[in-house]
């Protein structure tokens, strides 16, 4: 999924929380590359600095998991 595929709300902005939830589900499935991509999209739509920082932290976590070849939680 790319940012172009995301539905937008009535203000014309995608919900940070919707994207963050999708990214978290990808993490739970052990789909680290896809989760990192989703967190990247999440960071792009985040308005608050704290949400941007959180998304960046999750991107780094997912990239680390990919590098270490982690599996999904049982």
N, C-alpha and C. Protein backbone atom coordinates (compact mmCIF):
# COMPACT_ATOMS: atom_id res chain seq x y z
N UNK A 1 0.84 -1.17 0.00
CA UNK A 1 0.00 0.00 0.00
C UNK A 1 0.89 1.24 0.00
N UNK A 2 0.50 2.20 -0.77
CA UNK A 2 1.25 3.44 -0.80
C UNK A 2 0.34 4.56 -0.31
N UNK A 3 0.94 5.70 -0.09
CA UNK A 3 0.16 6.83 0.41
C UNK A 3 -0.92 7.25 -0.59
N UNK A 4 -0.73 6.97 -1.88
CA UNK A 4 -1.74 7.30 -2.87
C UNK A 4 -2.99 6.45 -2.72
N UNK A 5 -2.88 5.28 -2.09
CA UNK A 5 -4.00 4.36 -1.94
C UNK A 5 -4.85 4.64 -0.70
N UNK A 6 -4.43 5.58 0.10
CA UNK A 6 -5.09 5.84 1.37
C UNK A 6 -6.28 6.75 1.16
N UNK A 7 -7.40 6.40 1.78
CA UNK A 7 -8.59 7.25 1.68
C UNK A 7 -8.41 8.45 2.62
N UNK A 8 -8.91 9.57 2.20
CA UNK A 8 -8.77 10.78 2.98
C UNK A 8 -10.10 11.15 3.62
N UNK A 9 -10.01 11.81 4.77
CA UNK A 9 -11.22 12.19 5.48
C UNK A 9 -11.77 13.49 4.91
N UNK A 10 -12.82 14.00 5.51
CA UNK A 10 -13.50 15.16 4.95
C UNK A 10 -12.65 16.42 4.94
N UNK A 11 -11.63 16.50 5.77
CA UNK A 11 -10.73 17.65 5.76
C UNK A 11 -9.64 17.49 4.70
N UNK A 12 -9.62 16.35 4.01
CA UNK A 12 -8.62 16.13 2.98
C UNK A 12 -7.32 15.58 3.52
N UNK A 13 -7.34 15.15 4.77
CA UNK A 13 -6.13 14.60 5.37
C UNK A 13 -6.41 13.19 5.88
N UNK A 14 -5.43 12.34 5.72
CA UNK A 14 -5.58 10.98 6.20
C UNK A 14 -5.41 10.96 7.71
N UNK A 15 -6.02 10.02 8.33
CA UNK A 15 -5.92 9.90 9.78
C UNK A 15 -4.59 9.26 10.17
N UNK A 16 -3.83 9.97 10.95
CA UNK A 16 -2.58 9.44 11.49
C UNK A 16 -2.84 8.13 12.21
N UNK A 17 -3.90 8.12 13.00
CA UNK A 17 -4.20 6.95 13.82
C UNK A 17 -4.56 5.72 12.99
N UNK A 18 -5.24 5.92 11.89
CA UNK A 18 -5.58 4.81 11.00
C UNK A 18 -4.31 4.20 10.43
N UNK A 19 -3.42 5.04 9.94
CA UNK A 19 -2.18 4.54 9.36
C UNK A 19 -1.29 3.88 10.42
N UNK A 20 -1.23 4.49 11.60
CA UNK A 20 -0.43 3.92 12.67
C UNK A 20 -0.95 2.54 13.08
N UNK A 21 -2.26 2.39 13.09
CA UNK A 21 -2.86 1.08 13.42
C UNK A 21 -2.50 0.04 12.37
N UNK A 22 -2.53 0.45 11.11
CA UNK A 22 -2.15 -0.48 10.03
C UNK A 22 -0.68 -0.88 10.16
N UNK A 23 0.16 0.09 10.45
CA UNK A 23 1.59 -0.20 10.61
C UNK A 23 1.82 -1.15 11.78
N UNK A 24 1.12 -0.93 12.87
CA UNK A 24 1.26 -1.79 14.05
C UNK A 24 0.83 -3.22 13.73
N UNK A 25 -0.25 -3.38 12.95
CA UNK A 25 -0.69 -4.72 12.57
C UNK A 25 0.36 -5.42 11.70
N UNK A 26 0.99 -4.68 10.82
CA UNK A 26 2.06 -5.25 10.00
C UNK A 26 3.23 -5.70 10.88
N UNK A 27 3.55 -4.90 11.88
CA UNK A 27 4.60 -5.30 12.83
C UNK A 27 4.22 -6.60 13.53
N UNK A 28 2.99 -6.70 13.99
CA UNK A 28 2.54 -7.89 14.70
C UNK A 28 2.64 -9.14 13.83
N UNK A 29 2.53 -8.95 12.52
CA UNK A 29 2.62 -10.07 11.59
C UNK A 29 4.07 -10.36 11.20
N UNK A 30 4.99 -9.54 11.68
CA UNK A 30 6.39 -9.73 11.33
C UNK A 30 6.74 -9.26 9.93
N UNK A 31 5.91 -8.42 9.36
CA UNK A 31 6.14 -7.88 8.02
C UNK A 31 6.88 -6.55 8.16
N UNK A 32 8.13 -6.65 8.56
CA UNK A 32 8.92 -5.49 8.99
C UNK A 32 9.14 -4.47 7.87
N UNK A 33 9.45 -4.92 6.67
CA UNK A 33 9.66 -3.98 5.55
C UNK A 33 8.39 -3.20 5.24
N UNK A 34 7.28 -3.92 5.19
CA UNK A 34 6.01 -3.27 4.90
C UNK A 34 5.61 -2.33 6.03
N UNK A 35 5.89 -2.74 7.26
CA UNK A 35 5.58 -1.89 8.41
C UNK A 35 6.41 -0.61 8.36
N UNK A 36 7.69 -0.74 8.02
CA UNK A 36 8.54 0.45 7.92
C UNK A 36 8.01 1.41 6.85
N UNK A 37 7.56 0.86 5.73
CA UNK A 37 6.98 1.69 4.68
C UNK A 37 5.70 2.38 5.16
N UNK A 38 4.88 1.64 5.89
CA UNK A 38 3.63 2.23 6.39
C UNK A 38 3.93 3.31 7.43
N UNK A 39 4.92 3.07 8.29
CA UNK A 39 5.31 4.10 9.25
C UNK A 39 5.85 5.34 8.54
N UNK A 40 6.53 5.14 7.42
CA UNK A 40 7.02 6.27 6.64
C UNK A 40 5.85 7.10 6.13
N UNK A 41 4.83 6.43 5.62
CA UNK A 41 3.63 7.13 5.17
C UNK A 41 2.93 7.83 6.35
N UNK A 42 2.91 7.15 7.49
CA UNK A 42 2.30 7.70 8.70
C UNK A 42 3.01 8.98 9.11
N UNK A 43 4.32 8.96 9.07
CA UNK A 43 5.11 10.14 9.44
C UNK A 43 4.80 11.31 8.52
N UNK A 44 4.56 11.03 7.24
CA UNK A 44 4.28 12.09 6.27
C UNK A 44 2.97 12.82 6.56
N UNK A 45 1.99 12.12 7.11
CA UNK A 45 0.69 12.75 7.36
C UNK A 45 0.55 13.28 8.79
N UNK A 46 1.51 12.97 9.65
CA UNK A 46 1.45 13.41 11.04
C UNK A 46 1.66 14.93 11.11
N UNK A 47 0.83 15.58 11.88
CA UNK A 47 0.94 17.02 12.06
C UNK A 47 1.72 17.36 13.34
N UNK A 48 1.56 16.55 14.35
CA UNK A 48 2.22 16.80 15.63
C UNK A 48 3.65 16.27 15.60
N UNK A 49 4.55 17.04 16.18
CA UNK A 49 5.96 16.63 16.24
C UNK A 49 6.12 15.31 17.00
N UNK A 50 5.36 15.13 18.05
CA UNK A 50 5.46 13.90 18.85
C UNK A 50 5.07 12.68 18.01
N UNK A 51 4.07 12.82 17.14
CA UNK A 51 3.66 11.71 16.29
C UNK A 51 4.70 11.44 15.20
N UNK A 52 5.29 12.51 14.68
CA UNK A 52 6.36 12.34 13.70
C UNK A 52 7.56 11.62 14.33
N UNK A 53 7.89 12.00 15.56
CA UNK A 53 9.01 11.36 16.26
C UNK A 53 8.71 9.89 16.54
N UNK A 54 7.46 9.60 16.94
CA UNK A 54 7.08 8.21 17.21
C UNK A 54 7.17 7.37 15.94
N UNK A 55 6.68 7.91 14.84
CA UNK A 55 6.74 7.18 13.57
C UNK A 55 8.19 6.91 13.18
N UNK A 56 9.07 7.89 13.37
CA UNK A 56 10.48 7.71 13.06
C UNK A 56 11.10 6.62 13.93
N UNK A 57 10.73 6.59 15.19
CA UNK A 57 11.22 5.54 16.09
C UNK A 57 10.78 4.17 15.61
N UNK A 58 9.53 4.06 15.18
CA UNK A 58 9.01 2.77 14.70
C UNK A 58 9.67 2.37 13.38
N UNK A 59 9.96 3.34 12.51
CA UNK A 59 10.67 3.05 11.26
C UNK A 59 12.01 2.41 11.59
N UNK A 60 12.75 3.03 12.50
CA UNK A 60 14.07 2.52 12.88
C UNK A 60 13.97 1.14 13.51
N UNK A 61 12.95 0.94 14.34
CA UNK A 61 12.73 -0.37 14.97
C UNK A 61 12.50 -1.44 13.91
N UNK A 62 11.63 -1.13 12.95
CA UNK A 62 11.30 -2.10 11.89
C UNK A 62 12.51 -2.40 11.01
N UNK A 63 13.27 -1.39 10.69
CA UNK A 63 14.48 -1.62 9.89
C UNK A 63 15.48 -2.48 10.64
N UNK A 64 15.57 -2.26 11.95
CA UNK A 64 16.44 -3.09 12.78
C UNK A 64 15.95 -4.54 12.80
N UNK A 65 14.65 -4.72 12.91
CA UNK A 65 14.07 -6.07 12.91
C UNK A 65 14.35 -6.77 11.58
N UNK A 66 14.27 -6.02 10.49
CA UNK A 66 14.56 -6.59 9.17
C UNK A 66 16.01 -7.03 9.10
N UNK A 67 16.90 -6.16 9.54
CA UNK A 67 18.34 -6.46 9.52
C UNK A 67 18.66 -7.71 10.33
N UNK A 68 17.99 -7.85 11.46
CA UNK A 68 18.24 -8.98 12.36
C UNK A 68 17.40 -10.21 12.01
N UNK A 69 16.57 -10.10 10.97
CA UNK A 69 15.74 -11.19 10.50
C UNK A 69 14.82 -11.73 11.59
N UNK A 70 14.18 -10.82 12.32
CA UNK A 70 13.25 -11.22 13.36
C UNK A 70 12.02 -11.85 12.74
N UNK A 71 11.40 -12.72 13.49
CA UNK A 71 10.15 -13.35 13.08
C UNK A 71 8.99 -12.69 13.83
N UNK A 72 7.78 -12.96 13.41
CA UNK A 72 6.60 -12.43 14.09
C UNK A 72 6.49 -13.03 15.47
N UNK A 73 5.90 -12.26 16.39
CA UNK A 73 5.65 -12.78 17.73
C UNK A 73 4.67 -13.94 17.66
N UNK A 74 4.88 -14.91 18.48
CA UNK A 74 4.01 -16.10 18.47
C UNK A 74 2.69 -15.83 19.10
